[in-house]
Amino acid sequence: MLRRGATWLIVALLAVLAPAVAQSPQPADGPRRIEVRAQPIAAFDSRDPSVRRFGKLEFRGGLDLTSPDKAFGGLSAIHLAADGRRFIAATDRGNWLRGELRYDGDKPAGIVNAELAPMLGPDGRPLARRGWYDTEAIAADGGTLYVGIERVNRIVRFNDGKYGVKARAETVKVPPAVGKLPNNKGIEGLVYVPRKQPLGGTLIAFAERGLDAAGNHTAFLIGGPKPGSFTLKRRNDFDISDAALLPTGDLLVLERRFTWLDGIAIRIRRIALAQIKPDALVDGPVIFSAEMVHYVDNMEGLAVHRSGGATVLTLVSDDNFSALQRTLLLQFTLVAE
């Protein structure tokens, strides 16, 4: 649980404000191996540890992660391989974190073979050293990884399949409106649609709080058969933290909100991919929600994989490199498709 008393308000406030006031990021020296320590999370609800079902999700387990390496933290996005074990994550200081999840049955039990490395720019120098940081989103197309950089409203791609963490960024051409997104409220979620699905070959980019005149979230269709933009209905003042694609083709959108009364709240909405097209206003039901009584922090990353016939959601939190926050990894099973 989050710490009780006045501290939880500080934690919640940092989760919202820290990215805007963060000190200049320092890229990792690397690539290098690091130790990641994991404390299992047995229960998600502090009021009743026996509760496992939360909306359309069932809690599988989680990890509270720490490391003696000072560059560890700030996890803003994660991508898991099809086996649900190998992963690569982006930190908001422009670093890669690559490793392997270890399981005890179907519960996350630890992280092994962790490696930290700076994301490299087109010139081979760390992205962060050219001011390209707040790397907040990851999408994968086979061996190609797309990364959204919120601070400068850019999207880059890496040939991860060939070069791994030594791959150099290539700038992706984006609509002019992406460059006009609000400072520190830019691209926060990326989804690549496989070519055999509707909108196949499209990169879908969600802004954290790039609102249109009606107050709805702006999103972009980059490449693919129908490039353009659309909007997602904004409800209850939630901002977008990430997005992922289900095997069925529907989109999951992770959202986050902070208020002085309630602190941090998170939720996941499910959006039918068939709704999405240029100029459309899309909406979908909330399938999961959590708040301060649950084992949450500043949840910013969402990934989906299949395991034993089940659809598994993995969420990670960005601790903003603050001693008052935590790096959490949580896993849930989607109960009803």
Protein backbone atom coordinates (compact mmCIF):
# COMPACT_ATOMS: atom_id res chain seq x y z
CA MET A 1 0.00 0.00 0.00
CA LEU A 2 0.98 3.61 -0.31
CA ARG A 3 2.24 5.13 2.91
CA ARG A 4 -0.51 6.44 5.17
CA GLY A 5 -1.10 9.90 6.64
CA ALA A 6 0.10 13.07 4.98
CA THR A 7 2.82 11.21 3.06
CA TRP A 8 0.38 9.71 0.59
CA LEU A 9 -0.60 13.20 -0.53
CA ILE A 10 3.05 14.01 -1.22
CA VAL A 11 3.44 10.75 -3.12
CA ALA A 12 0.36 11.41 -5.19
CA LEU A 13 1.40 14.96 -5.95
CA LEU A 14 4.89 13.88 -6.98
CA ALA A 15 3.38 11.31 -9.33
CA VAL A 16 1.67 14.10 -11.21
CA LEU A 17 4.11 16.99 -10.88
CA ALA A 18 7.54 15.38 -10.76
CA PRO A 19 7.90 14.86 -14.54
CA ALA A 20 7.41 18.59 -15.02
CA VAL A 21 10.04 19.59 -12.46
CA ALA A 22 12.49 16.71 -12.87
CA GLN A 23 16.15 17.56 -12.93
CA SER A 24 18.09 17.13 -16.15
CA PRO A 25 18.25 13.41 -16.92
CA GLN A 26 21.52 11.52 -16.81
CA PRO A 27 21.83 8.66 -19.30
CA ALA A 28 23.13 5.34 -18.10
CA ASP A 29 26.68 4.29 -18.82
CA GLY A 30 26.38 1.11 -20.70
CA PRO A 31 25.12 -1.22 -21.61
CA ARG A 32 25.77 -2.74 -18.20
CA ARG A 33 24.31 -5.45 -16.00
CA ILE A 34 22.47 -4.32 -12.88
CA GLU A 35 20.91 -6.06 -9.92
CA VAL A 36 17.14 -5.71 -9.57
CA ARG A 37 15.69 -6.83 -6.25
CA ALA A 38 12.06 -7.93 -6.08
CA GLN A 39 9.68 -8.13 -3.14
CA PRO A 40 6.55 -10.14 -4.07
CA ILE A 41 3.18 -8.43 -3.72
CA ALA A 42 0.72 -10.99 -2.40
CA ALA A 43 -2.46 -8.88 -2.26
CA PHE A 44 -3.77 -5.97 -4.32
CA ASP A 45 -6.52 -4.73 -1.97
CA SER A 46 -5.42 -3.58 1.48
CA ARG A 47 -8.93 -3.91 2.90
CA ASP A 48 -9.33 -7.58 2.01
CA PRO A 49 -6.24 -9.52 0.79
CA SER A 50 -8.48 -12.42 -0.29
CA VAL A 51 -10.10 -10.38 -3.07
CA ARG A 52 -8.61 -11.28 -6.45
CA ARG A 53 -11.22 -9.97 -8.90
CA PHE A 54 -11.22 -6.29 -9.87
CA GLY A 55 -13.65 -5.45 -12.63
CA LYS A 56 -12.78 -7.61 -15.63
CA LEU A 57 -9.30 -8.40 -14.27
CA GLU A 58 -8.03 -10.98 -11.80
CA PHE A 59 -4.88 -10.23 -9.82
CA ARG A 60 -2.09 -12.73 -10.48
CA GLY A 61 0.65 -11.10 -8.42
CA GLY A 62 3.23 -8.39 -8.50
CA LEU A 63 6.68 -7.17 -7.54
CA ASP A 64 7.98 -4.16 -5.63
CA LEU A 65 11.29 -3.48 -7.40
CA THR A 66 14.46 -1.80 -6.15
CA SER A 67 18.08 -1.68 -7.21
CA PRO A 68 21.38 -0.45 -5.73
CA ASP A 69 22.01 1.16 -9.13
CA LYS A 70 21.00 4.83 -8.92
CA ALA A 71 20.02 4.92 -12.59
CA PHE A 72 17.26 2.35 -11.99
CA GLY A 73 13.71 3.69 -11.90
CA GLY A 74 11.40 5.95 -13.86
CA LEU A 75 9.79 3.06 -15.77
CA SER A 76 7.33 4.67 -18.16
CA ALA A 77 6.65 1.91 -20.70
CA ILE A 78 7.20 -1.83 -21.07
CA HIS A 79 7.04 -4.43 -23.84
CA LEU A 80 6.97 -8.17 -23.13
CA ALA A 81 7.93 -10.87 -25.59
CA ALA A 82 5.33 -13.49 -26.49
CA ASP A 83 6.71 -15.81 -23.80
CA GLY A 84 5.86 -13.25 -21.10
CA ARG A 85 9.39 -13.51 -19.74
CA ARG A 86 11.74 -11.38 -21.79
CA PHE A 87 10.97 -7.67 -21.53
CA ILE A 88 12.31 -4.29 -22.49
CA ALA A 89 11.25 -1.10 -20.71
CA ALA A 90 11.84 2.60 -21.25
CA THR A 91 12.75 4.97 -18.43
CA ASP A 92 11.86 8.63 -18.56
CA ARG A 93 15.58 9.48 -18.47
CA GLY A 94 16.11 7.97 -21.89
CA ASN A 95 17.40 4.54 -20.84
CA TRP A 96 16.53 0.99 -21.83
CA LEU A 97 15.96 -1.63 -19.14
CA ARG A 98 16.09 -5.14 -20.53
CA GLY A 99 15.71 -8.34 -18.54
CA GLU A 100 13.73 -11.49 -17.88
CA LEU A 101 10.79 -12.04 -15.56
CA ARG A 102 11.00 -15.11 -13.35
CA TYR A 103 7.77 -16.79 -12.28
CA ASP A 104 6.58 -18.97 -9.42
CA GLY A 105 3.74 -20.78 -11.17
CA ASP A 106 1.80 -17.93 -12.76
CA LYS A 107 2.97 -15.29 -10.26
CA PRO A 108 5.86 -12.91 -10.99
CA ALA A 109 8.70 -13.83 -8.64
CA GLY A 110 11.74 -11.80 -9.70
CA ILE A 111 13.85 -10.25 -12.44
CA VAL A 112 17.07 -11.76 -13.73
CA ASN A 113 19.65 -10.80 -16.37
CA ALA A 114 18.77 -7.12 -16.05
CA GLU A 115 20.69 -4.73 -18.28
CA LEU A 116 20.58 -0.93 -18.37
CA ALA A 117 21.69 1.07 -21.41
CA PRO A 118 21.19 4.56 -22.81
CA MET A 119 18.93 4.96 -25.84
CA LEU A 120 21.16 6.15 -28.65
CA GLY A 121 20.39 8.99 -31.01
CA PRO A 122 21.05 9.01 -34.76
CA ASP A 123 24.62 10.14 -34.06
CA GLY A 124 25.31 7.31 -31.61
CA ARG A 125 25.25 9.61 -28.58
CA PRO A 126 22.67 9.10 -25.80
CA LEU A 127 19.30 10.64 -26.67
CA ALA A 128 19.13 12.39 -23.32
CA ARG A 129 22.31 14.35 -24.01
CA ARG A 130 20.60 16.09 -26.90
CA GLY A 131 17.58 16.93 -24.72
CA TRP A 132 15.44 14.08 -26.05
CA TYR A 133 14.15 12.54 -22.85
CA ASP A 134 10.87 11.73 -21.10
CA THR A 135 10.75 8.58 -23.21
CA GLU A 136 7.22 7.55 -22.26
CA ALA A 137 5.88 4.95 -24.71
CA ILE A 138 6.93 1.77 -26.54
CA ALA A 139 5.32 -0.13 -29.41
CA ALA A 140 6.76 -3.13 -31.25
CA ASP A 141 6.57 -4.29 -34.85
CA GLY A 142 8.61 -7.47 -34.86
CA GLY A 143 12.20 -6.40 -34.30
CA THR A 144 11.38 -2.69 -34.62
CA LEU A 145 10.67 -0.70 -31.47
CA TYR A 146 8.91 2.67 -31.62
CA VAL A 147 9.44 5.10 -28.73
CA GLY A 148 7.49 8.24 -27.94
CA ILE A 149 9.48 11.16 -26.49
CA GLU A 150 7.12 13.43 -24.59
CA ARG A 151 9.45 16.34 -23.81
CA VAL A 152 10.13 17.11 -27.49
CA ASN A 153 6.97 15.59 -29.03
CA ARG A 154 8.82 13.14 -31.26
CA ILE A 155 8.59 9.47 -32.17
CA VAL A 156 11.69 7.46 -33.03
CA ARG A 157 12.26 3.85 -34.04
CA PHE A 158 15.05 1.40 -33.27
CA ASN A 159 16.17 -1.74 -35.11
CA ASP A 160 16.18 -3.77 -31.92
CA GLY A 161 16.09 -7.08 -33.78
CA LYS A 162 19.47 -6.45 -35.39
CA TYR A 163 21.33 -4.20 -32.94
CA GLY A 164 19.59 -4.60 -29.56
CA VAL A 165 20.25 -1.77 -27.12
CA LYS A 166 23.03 -0.49 -29.40
CA ALA A 167 20.48 0.43 -32.08
CA ARG A 168 20.39 4.09 -33.10
CA ALA A 169 17.18 6.09 -33.24
CA GLU A 170 15.61 6.99 -36.56
CA THR A 171 13.09 9.83 -36.53
CA VAL A 172 9.54 8.91 -37.57
CA LYS A 173 7.62 11.48 -39.60
CA VAL A 174 4.57 12.59 -37.61
CA PRO A 175 1.68 14.97 -38.28
CA PRO A 176 2.48 18.64 -37.56
CA ALA A 177 -0.10 18.62 -34.74
CA VAL A 178 2.11 16.24 -32.72
CA GLY A 179 4.74 18.97 -32.44
CA LYS A 180 2.13 21.35 -31.05
CA LEU A 181 1.06 19.17 -28.13
CA PRO A 182 1.34 20.81 -24.68
CA ASN A 183 4.71 20.71 -22.95
CA ASN A 184 5.04 17.59 -20.80
CA LYS A 185 1.57 16.39 -21.90
CA GLY A 186 2.59 14.87 -25.23
CA ILE A 187 2.85 11.31 -26.57
CA GLU A 188 2.23 8.91 -23.70
CA GLY A 189 0.93 5.77 -25.42
CA LEU A 190 1.90 3.97 -28.64
CA VAL A 191 0.30 0.93 -30.27
CA TYR A 192 1.41 -0.75 -33.50
CA VAL A 193 -1.40 -2.58 -35.31
CA PRO A 194 -0.25 -5.85 -36.95
CA ARG A 195 -0.67 -5.89 -40.72
CA LYS A 196 -3.31 -8.66 -40.78
CA GLN A 197 -5.72 -6.65 -38.63
CA PRO A 198 -7.93 -3.67 -39.52
CA LEU A 199 -5.73 -0.56 -39.69
CA GLY A 200 -2.79 -2.96 -40.14
CA GLY A 201 0.55 -1.17 -40.37
CA THR A 202 -0.72 1.85 -38.42
CA LEU A 203 1.08 3.35 -35.45
CA ILE A 204 -1.52 4.76 -33.04
CA ALA A 205 -0.22 7.54 -30.80
CA PHE A 206 -2.09 8.88 -27.76
CA ALA A 207 -1.34 12.20 -26.09
CA GLU A 208 -1.43 12.38 -22.30
CA ARG A 209 -3.51 15.55 -22.28
CA GLY A 210 -3.51 17.03 -25.76
CA LEU A 211 -7.17 18.04 -25.77
CA ASP A 212 -9.34 19.23 -28.65
CA ALA A 213 -11.80 22.13 -28.46
CA ALA A 214 -14.41 19.83 -26.90
CA GLY A 215 -12.00 18.69 -24.18
CA ASN A 216 -11.37 15.20 -25.55
CA HIS A 217 -8.05 13.38 -25.95
CA THR A 218 -6.24 13.77 -29.27
CA ALA A 219 -4.78 10.66 -30.89
CA PHE A 220 -2.99 10.08 -34.19
CA LEU A 221 -3.00 7.40 -36.91
CA ILE A 222 0.51 7.38 -38.36
CA GLY A 223 1.15 5.44 -41.54
CA GLY A 224 -1.12 2.54 -42.43
CA PRO A 225 -4.14 2.64 -44.77
CA LYS A 226 -5.97 5.58 -43.12
CA PRO A 227 -3.59 8.14 -41.62
CA GLY A 228 -5.07 11.05 -39.73
CA SER A 229 -6.26 11.86 -36.22
CA PHE A 230 -9.18 10.97 -33.98
CA THR A 231 -10.30 11.74 -30.44
CA LEU A 232 -10.99 9.64 -27.36
CA LYS A 233 -13.79 10.82 -25.08
CA ARG A 234 -12.26 12.26 -21.90
CA ARG A 235 -14.19 11.24 -18.81
CA ASN A 236 -13.83 12.23 -15.15
CA ASP A 237 -10.63 14.24 -15.77
CA PHE A 238 -8.44 11.17 -16.33
CA ASP A 239 -5.25 11.55 -18.40
CA ILE A 240 -3.76 8.84 -20.63
CA SER A 241 -0.74 6.90 -19.34
CA ASP A 242 -0.35 4.13 -21.94
CA ALA A 243 -2.17 1.85 -24.36
CA ALA A 244 -1.89 -1.75 -25.59
CA LEU A 245 -3.57 -4.01 -28.12
CA LEU A 246 -5.47 -7.17 -27.15
CA PRO A 247 -5.19 -10.34 -29.26
CA THR A 248 -8.84 -9.74 -30.24
CA GLY A 249 -7.84 -6.42 -31.75
CA ASP A 250 -9.45 -4.16 -29.15
CA LEU A 251 -7.41 -1.40 -27.56
CA LEU A 252 -6.80 -1.03 -23.85
CA VAL A 253 -6.11 2.51 -22.63
CA LEU A 254 -4.48 3.02 -19.22
CA GLU A 255 -5.54 6.25 -17.53
CA ARG A 256 -4.52 8.12 -14.38
CA ARG A 257 -5.98 10.93 -12.27
CA PHE A 258 -4.89 12.90 -9.21
CA THR A 259 -7.14 14.95 -6.90
CA TRP A 260 -6.40 16.40 -3.47
CA LEU A 261 -9.45 14.62 -2.07
CA ASP A 262 -8.86 11.14 -3.47
CA GLY A 263 -5.16 11.02 -4.36
CA ILE A 264 -4.14 8.79 -7.26
CA ALA A 265 -6.66 6.73 -9.20
CA ILE A 266 -6.04 4.54 -12.25
CA ARG A 267 -8.32 2.74 -14.66
CA ILE A 268 -8.30 0.84 -17.94
CA ARG A 269 -10.81 1.41 -20.74
CA ARG A 270 -11.46 -0.99 -23.61
CA ILE A 271 -11.93 0.54 -27.07
CA ALA A 272 -13.13 -1.42 -30.11
CA LEU A 273 -10.55 -1.05 -32.87
CA ALA A 274 -13.41 -0.95 -35.38
CA GLN A 275 -14.42 2.46 -33.98
CA ILE A 276 -11.11 4.05 -34.84
CA LYS A 277 -10.82 6.02 -38.07
CA PRO A 278 -9.84 9.55 -39.03
CA ASP A 279 -12.01 12.25 -37.37
CA ALA A 280 -13.89 9.72 -35.22
CA LEU A 281 -14.78 10.29 -31.56
CA VAL A 282 -14.35 6.94 -29.78
CA ASP A 283 -15.30 5.70 -26.34
CA GLY A 284 -15.38 2.47 -24.39
CA PRO A 285 -16.22 0.91 -21.03
CA VAL A 286 -14.00 0.90 -17.96
CA ILE A 287 -12.90 -2.69 -17.31
CA PHE A 288 -10.66 -2.01 -14.29
CA SER A 289 -10.18 0.72 -11.71
CA ALA A 290 -8.04 1.15 -8.59
CA GLU A 291 -7.25 3.86 -6.05
CA MET A 292 -5.28 4.56 -2.90
CA VAL A 293 -6.57 1.50 -1.00
CA HIS A 294 -5.00 -0.70 -3.68
CA TYR A 295 -1.33 -1.54 -4.21
CA VAL A 296 -0.72 1.14 -6.83
CA ASP A 297 1.65 3.99 -7.50
CA ASN A 298 2.17 6.17 -10.57
CA MET A 299 1.19 3.45 -13.08
CA GLU A 300 2.48 4.46 -16.51
CA GLY A 301 3.25 1.33 -18.53
CA LEU A 302 0.92 -1.37 -19.92
CA ALA A 303 1.75 -4.52 -21.90
CA VAL A 304 -0.26 -7.57 -23.02
CA HIS A 305 0.80 -11.14 -23.69
CA ARG A 306 -0.78 -14.62 -23.78
CA SER A 307 0.03 -17.36 -21.27
CA GLY A 308 -1.58 -20.78 -21.15
CA GLY A 309 -4.59 -19.56 -23.11
CA ALA A 310 -5.06 -16.52 -20.85
CA THR A 311 -4.59 -12.85 -21.72
CA VAL A 312 -2.20 -11.29 -19.21
CA LEU A 313 -1.83 -7.56 -18.54
CA THR A 314 1.41 -6.20 -17.06
CA LEU A 315 1.51 -2.72 -15.50
CA VAL A 316 4.60 -0.86 -14.31
CA SER A 317 4.95 2.35 -12.31
CA ASP A 318 7.20 5.36 -12.72
CA ASP A 319 8.71 6.32 -9.36
CA ASN A 320 10.06 9.60 -10.77
CA PHE A 321 13.36 8.69 -9.05
CA SER A 322 11.76 9.74 -5.78
CA ALA A 323 12.39 8.00 -2.44
CA LEU A 324 8.70 8.51 -1.64
CA GLN A 325 7.49 6.45 -4.61
CA ARG A 326 7.96 2.90 -5.76
CA THR A 327 8.65 0.89 -8.89
CA LEU A 328 5.87 -1.68 -9.10
CA LEU A 329 5.20 -4.46 -11.59
CA LEU A 330 1.65 -5.84 -11.43
CA GLN A 331 0.06 -8.64 -13.45
CA PHE A 332 -3.61 -9.39 -14.05
CA THR A 333 -5.54 -11.91 -16.11
CA LEU A 334 -8.33 -10.61 -18.34
CA VAL A 335 -11.31 -12.59 -17.06
CA ALA A 336 -13.80 -12.01 -19.87
CA GLU A 337 -12.85 -11.40 -23.49
